[in-house]
Amino acid sequence: MGLVEWKRIGEQGNIAEIVLNRPEARNAFTTEMAEQLLEICEIIAKSDVRAVLITSSNEKSFCSGADLKERNNMTETERKSQHKLFQQMFNSIADMKQPVIAVVDGYALAGGFEIVLNCDMIVAAETATFGLPEVTRGIMPGGGGTRLLSKRINIHRAKEWVCTGKMVSAEEANRAGLLNILTKSNELRNKAVQLAGKIANNAPLAVQNCKTSVDELFGMTKEEARKIEIEYYNRCLNTEDRLEGVLAFVEKRTPEFIGK
C-alpha cells in the first residue's frame, strides 16, 4: 500500500477520495509521501472527477506536518529542495480544478494544517485539533499558513494563532468561522461524502468556474472584480450543461450534466 492512495467513490464514481496513509507516524509527510500526493493530485486534476476529499487512515491524526526526523539528516541544499517539493504539493491541492474538501479528525498541525488550508472546504470532527506551532520551533509556516488562514478567519485571530502557535479545538475553530461542517467522529465521512455529492451533482464546468472566480476575485478592487467575474460567467453560457440545466428546469426533471 502506498503512503498516499486514492479511489473513486459515490454512486457515479465522480468523487475522488485521497487517503493519507502513514498512520504509524500520524501521517507526517516525507519526501516520498509528498511526491505521491503531488502525482495523485495531478492525475485527479486531469480526470472527470467532480469533487475531491482528502482523508486520513488514522482517525487520531489527519496529518502532523512534515517529518522532522527525515529533515534533520539533510543538508541545507537538500532541505531547500525538499521544501520546493512541499510547495508544489500544497499548490497542487489548491490548484485542482475540482473543489477539494479536507476531512479532519485528530491532529492537523503545521504542514498538516496547511494541507487543510489549501483545500476549498473543511469538514471536521469534534475531536479534531488544529495548529500552526512553527514559531515554537524557531520558524514560521511555509506552506501558505499565514497567507491562507486570514482568508478563513478574522485577521487578528489569525495573528493570534500563528504568533502563539496555540492548539485550537474544533469547537473554537468552528466559532472562528474556519469550518464548513462540525460533526461527530462517527458521522464525519458520511457528512463529507454528502457535501461532495451535492457538488458533484451540479454542472462541473459551472462549479469549476465558480471555484476559480471566488479565488481570483478575493482581494480585488470592485471594478477589477466585476470585470473578471463576468468573464467567468460568460464561459458557462455556451456550454451544453447550461442548455441541459434550463431544459431540465422547464421539464421539471433532474438535469444530466456531462461537463461540456
Protein backbone atom coordinates (compact mmCIF):
# COMPACT_ATOMS: atom_id res chain seq x y z
CA MET A 1 0.00 0.00 0.00
CA GLY A 2 1.19 3.49 -0.80
CA LEU A 3 1.76 6.33 1.63
CA VAL A 4 -0.97 8.19 -0.23
CA GLU A 5 -3.77 6.41 -2.05
CA TRP A 6 -6.87 7.44 -3.94
CA LYS A 7 -10.07 5.87 -5.18
CA ARG A 8 -13.32 6.84 -6.81
CA ILE A 9 -16.39 6.81 -4.60
CA GLY A 10 -20.04 7.82 -4.84
CA GLU A 11 -22.86 6.33 -6.89
CA GLN A 12 -21.48 7.77 -10.13
CA GLY A 13 -17.82 7.29 -9.23
CA ASN A 14 -17.28 11.01 -9.78
CA ILE A 15 -15.89 11.78 -6.31
CA ALA A 16 -12.23 11.13 -5.55
CA GLU A 17 -11.07 10.22 -2.06
CA ILE A 18 -7.38 10.81 -1.35
CA VAL A 19 -6.24 8.92 1.75
CA LEU A 20 -3.14 9.91 3.73
CA ASN A 21 -1.81 6.53 4.77
CA ARG A 22 1.16 6.72 7.14
CA PRO A 23 -0.74 6.10 10.38
CA GLU A 24 2.25 4.97 12.43
CA ALA A 25 3.75 8.48 12.05
CA ARG A 26 0.47 10.41 12.30
CA ASN A 27 0.75 10.98 8.55
CA ALA A 28 3.83 13.18 8.91
CA PHE A 29 4.78 13.66 5.28
CA THR A 30 8.15 12.66 3.90
CA THR A 31 9.67 13.40 0.50
CA GLU A 32 8.21 10.16 -0.83
CA MET A 33 4.77 10.91 0.57
CA ALA A 34 4.80 14.41 -0.93
CA GLU A 35 5.79 13.01 -4.31
CA GLN A 36 2.91 10.53 -4.21
CA LEU A 37 0.37 13.18 -3.18
CA LEU A 38 1.62 15.53 -5.92
CA GLU A 39 1.30 12.80 -8.54
CA ILE A 40 -2.21 11.85 -7.41
CA CYS A 41 -3.40 15.47 -7.43
CA GLU A 42 -2.13 15.87 -10.98
CA ILE A 43 -3.94 12.72 -12.10
CA ILE A 44 -7.24 13.78 -10.50
CA ALA A 45 -6.98 17.34 -11.82
CA LYS A 46 -6.96 15.94 -15.37
CA SER A 47 -9.79 13.49 -14.76
CA ASP A 48 -13.58 13.73 -14.94
CA VAL A 49 -13.81 13.71 -11.13
CA ARG A 50 -16.16 16.46 -9.89
CA ALA A 51 -15.25 16.75 -6.20
CA VAL A 52 -12.32 15.61 -4.05
CA LEU A 53 -12.00 14.50 -0.42
CA ILE A 54 -8.69 14.37 1.46
CA THR A 55 -8.97 11.97 4.39
CA SER A 56 -6.73 10.02 6.76
CA SER A 57 -6.37 6.32 7.51
CA ASN A 58 -5.67 7.31 11.14
CA GLU A 59 -8.66 8.75 13.00
CA LYS A 60 -6.34 10.14 15.68
CA SER A 61 -4.40 12.30 13.27
CA PHE A 62 -5.20 13.89 9.92
CA CYS A 63 -1.59 14.99 9.44
CA SER A 64 1.05 16.18 11.90
CA GLY A 65 3.09 18.08 9.30
CA ALA A 66 6.47 17.39 7.76
CA ASP A 67 8.59 14.55 9.10
CA LEU A 68 11.24 16.44 11.06
CA LYS A 69 13.28 13.29 11.63
CA GLU A 70 13.85 12.95 7.90
CA ARG A 71 14.67 16.62 7.54
CA ASN A 72 17.10 16.58 10.47
CA ASN A 73 19.59 14.50 8.47
CA MET A 74 19.51 16.72 5.40
CA THR A 75 21.99 19.31 4.19
CA GLU A 76 20.81 22.88 3.66
CA THR A 77 20.62 22.28 -0.09
CA GLU A 78 18.57 19.13 0.42
CA ARG A 79 16.19 20.93 2.79
CA LYS A 80 15.59 23.70 0.27
CA SER A 81 14.97 21.17 -2.48
CA GLN A 82 12.55 19.26 -0.27
CA HIS A 83 10.64 22.40 0.67
CA LYS A 84 10.27 23.29 -3.01
CA LEU A 85 8.66 19.88 -3.47
CA PHE A 86 6.38 20.54 -0.49
CA GLN A 87 5.32 23.88 -2.00
CA GLN A 88 4.45 22.09 -5.24
CA MET A 89 2.40 19.60 -3.21
CA PHE A 90 0.44 22.32 -1.43
CA ASN A 91 -0.11 24.21 -4.68
CA SER A 92 -1.30 21.07 -6.47
CA ILE A 93 -4.09 20.74 -3.91
CA ALA A 94 -5.13 24.38 -4.17
CA ASP A 95 -4.89 24.45 -7.97
CA MET A 96 -7.07 21.43 -8.71
CA LYS A 97 -9.98 22.46 -10.89
CA GLN A 98 -12.35 20.49 -8.66
CA PRO A 99 -13.45 21.68 -5.20
CA VAL A 100 -11.37 19.89 -2.55
CA ILE A 101 -12.74 19.08 0.90
CA ALA A 102 -10.47 18.36 3.88
CA VAL A 103 -11.99 15.69 6.14
CA VAL A 104 -10.33 16.17 9.52
CA ASP A 105 -10.25 14.16 12.72
CA GLY A 106 -7.48 14.19 15.28
CA TYR A 107 -4.46 16.43 14.77
CA ALA A 108 -3.97 18.74 11.78
CA LEU A 109 -0.77 20.54 12.71
CA ALA A 110 1.87 22.63 10.96
CA GLY A 111 2.10 21.42 7.35
CA GLY A 112 -0.86 19.17 8.06
CA PHE A 113 -2.98 22.21 8.85
CA GLU A 114 -1.62 23.86 5.72
CA ILE A 115 -2.84 20.91 3.65
CA VAL A 116 -6.26 21.68 5.14
CA LEU A 117 -5.97 25.40 4.39
CA ASN A 118 -5.10 24.68 0.76
CA CYS A 119 -8.41 22.84 0.42
CA ASP A 120 -11.59 24.68 -0.51
CA MET A 121 -13.78 23.44 2.33
CA ILE A 122 -13.29 21.80 5.71
CA VAL A 123 -15.41 19.14 7.40
CA ALA A 124 -14.14 18.31 10.88
CA ALA A 125 -14.98 16.04 13.78
CA GLU A 126 -15.48 17.44 17.26
CA THR A 127 -12.26 15.68 18.27
CA ALA A 128 -10.11 17.48 15.68
CA THR A 129 -7.31 19.80 16.73
CA PHE A 130 -5.71 22.46 14.53
CA GLY A 131 -2.47 24.37 14.99
CA LEU A 132 0.46 26.15 13.38
CA PRO A 133 3.16 25.64 16.04
CA GLU A 134 6.10 26.64 13.84
CA VAL A 135 7.03 29.68 15.96
CA THR A 136 7.66 27.36 18.91
CA ARG A 137 10.36 25.70 16.76
CA GLY A 138 12.00 28.93 15.63
CA ILE A 139 10.40 29.06 12.18
CA MET A 140 7.12 30.14 10.54
CA PRO A 141 4.53 28.34 8.39
CA GLY A 142 5.93 27.72 4.92
CA GLY A 143 3.01 26.20 3.03
CA GLY A 144 0.51 29.03 2.98
CA GLY A 145 -0.43 29.22 6.66
CA THR A 146 -0.03 32.97 7.12
CA ARG A 147 -1.42 33.69 3.65
CA LEU A 148 -4.47 31.45 3.80
CA LEU A 149 -5.61 31.45 7.43
CA SER A 150 -6.58 35.13 7.32
CA LYS A 151 -8.87 34.34 4.37
CA ARG A 152 -10.80 31.95 6.62
CA ILE A 153 -10.97 33.78 9.93
CA ASN A 154 -10.57 37.36 11.16
CA ILE A 155 -7.05 38.67 10.68
CA HIS A 156 -6.50 39.46 14.37
CA ARG A 157 -7.47 35.90 15.26
CA ALA A 158 -5.17 34.52 12.56
CA LYS A 159 -2.28 36.54 14.00
CA GLU A 160 -3.02 35.13 17.45
CA TRP A 161 -2.98 31.54 16.21
CA VAL A 162 0.25 31.83 14.20
CA CYS A 163 2.15 34.04 16.66
CA THR A 164 1.36 31.90 19.70
CA GLY A 165 1.47 28.51 18.00
CA LYS A 166 -1.60 27.52 20.03
CA MET A 167 -3.56 24.31 19.64
CA VAL A 168 -7.10 25.11 18.51
CA SER A 169 -10.01 22.81 19.28
CA ALA A 170 -12.57 22.00 16.61
CA GLU A 171 -15.18 23.93 18.58
CA GLU A 172 -13.03 27.07 18.69
CA ALA A 173 -12.14 26.66 15.02
CA ASN A 174 -15.82 26.45 14.18
CA ARG A 175 -16.67 29.55 16.22
CA ALA A 176 -13.91 31.41 14.39
CA GLY A 177 -15.51 30.51 11.05
CA LEU A 178 -12.84 28.07 9.86
CA LEU A 179 -15.11 25.08 9.27
CA ASN A 180 -17.90 24.32 6.85
CA ILE A 181 -19.26 21.44 8.93
CA LEU A 182 -18.57 20.33 12.50
CA THR A 183 -19.82 16.85 13.33
CA LYS A 184 -19.24 13.73 15.40
CA SER A 185 -16.38 11.38 14.51
CA ASN A 186 -18.68 8.53 13.54
CA GLU A 187 -20.57 10.82 11.14
CA LEU A 188 -17.54 12.60 9.70
CA ARG A 189 -17.02 10.70 6.46
CA ASN A 190 -20.73 10.49 5.67
CA LYS A 191 -21.15 14.24 6.11
CA ALA A 192 -18.15 14.89 3.87
CA VAL A 193 -19.41 12.49 1.19
CA GLN A 194 -22.83 14.16 1.31
CA LEU A 195 -21.25 17.58 0.76
CA ALA A 196 -19.10 16.25 -2.09
CA GLY A 197 -22.16 14.60 -3.59
CA LYS A 198 -24.09 17.86 -3.67
CA ILE A 199 -21.17 19.46 -5.52
CA ALA A 200 -20.77 16.51 -7.90
CA ASN A 201 -24.46 16.65 -8.86
CA ASN A 202 -24.03 20.13 -10.30
CA ALA A 203 -22.65 21.15 -13.69
CA PRO A 204 -18.88 20.57 -13.39
CA LEU A 205 -17.78 23.44 -15.64
CA ALA A 206 -20.01 25.84 -13.72
CA VAL A 207 -18.65 24.58 -10.39
CA GLN A 208 -15.05 24.86 -11.59
CA ASN A 209 -15.58 28.40 -12.83
CA CYS A 210 -17.24 29.32 -9.53
CA LYS A 211 -14.26 27.99 -7.58
CA THR A 212 -11.72 29.84 -9.72
CA SER A 213 -13.76 33.03 -9.72
CA VAL A 214 -14.05 33.13 -5.93
CA ASP A 215 -10.31 32.53 -5.57
CA GLU A 216 -9.30 35.12 -8.14
CA LEU A 217 -11.73 37.86 -7.13
CA PHE A 218 -10.81 37.76 -3.44
CA GLY A 219 -8.99 40.98 -2.56
CA MET A 220 -9.51 42.66 -5.94
CA THR A 221 -10.89 46.15 -6.28
CA LYS A 222 -14.59 46.39 -7.09
CA GLU A 223 -14.02 47.34 -10.72
CA GLU A 224 -11.42 44.63 -11.30
CA ALA A 225 -13.64 42.02 -9.70
CA ARG A 226 -16.66 42.97 -11.79
CA LYS A 227 -14.66 42.64 -15.00
CA ILE A 228 -13.20 39.24 -14.16
CA GLU A 229 -16.43 37.83 -12.74
CA ILE A 230 -18.37 38.42 -15.96
CA GLU A 231 -15.60 36.67 -17.88
CA TYR A 232 -16.13 33.53 -15.82
CA TYR A 233 -19.89 33.88 -16.19
CA ASN A 234 -19.59 34.06 -19.97
CA ARG A 235 -17.53 30.86 -20.02
CA CYS A 236 -20.60 28.99 -18.76
CA LEU A 237 -23.08 30.44 -21.26
CA ASN A 238 -22.20 28.46 -24.37
CA THR A 239 -21.99 25.06 -22.71
CA GLU A 240 -24.16 22.02 -23.24
CA ASP A 241 -24.66 21.81 -19.48
CA ARG A 242 -26.27 25.26 -19.34
CA LEU A 243 -28.75 24.28 -22.04
CA GLU A 244 -29.42 20.99 -20.24
CA GLY A 245 -29.93 22.83 -16.94
CA VAL A 246 -32.52 25.16 -18.44
CA LEU A 247 -34.29 22.35 -20.28
CA ALA A 248 -34.39 20.16 -17.17
CA PHE A 249 -35.87 23.04 -15.17
CA VAL A 250 -38.61 23.57 -17.78
CA GLU A 251 -39.33 19.84 -17.97
CA LYS A 252 -39.28 19.54 -14.17
CA ARG A 253 -36.65 16.78 -14.05
CA THR A 254 -33.15 16.25 -12.67
CA PRO A 255 -30.51 17.57 -15.10
CA GLU A 256 -27.92 15.20 -16.55
CA PHE A 257 -24.72 17.20 -16.71
CA ILE A 258 -21.81 15.92 -18.82
CA GLY A 259 -19.11 18.54 -18.24
CA LYS A 260 -19.31 20.13 -21.70
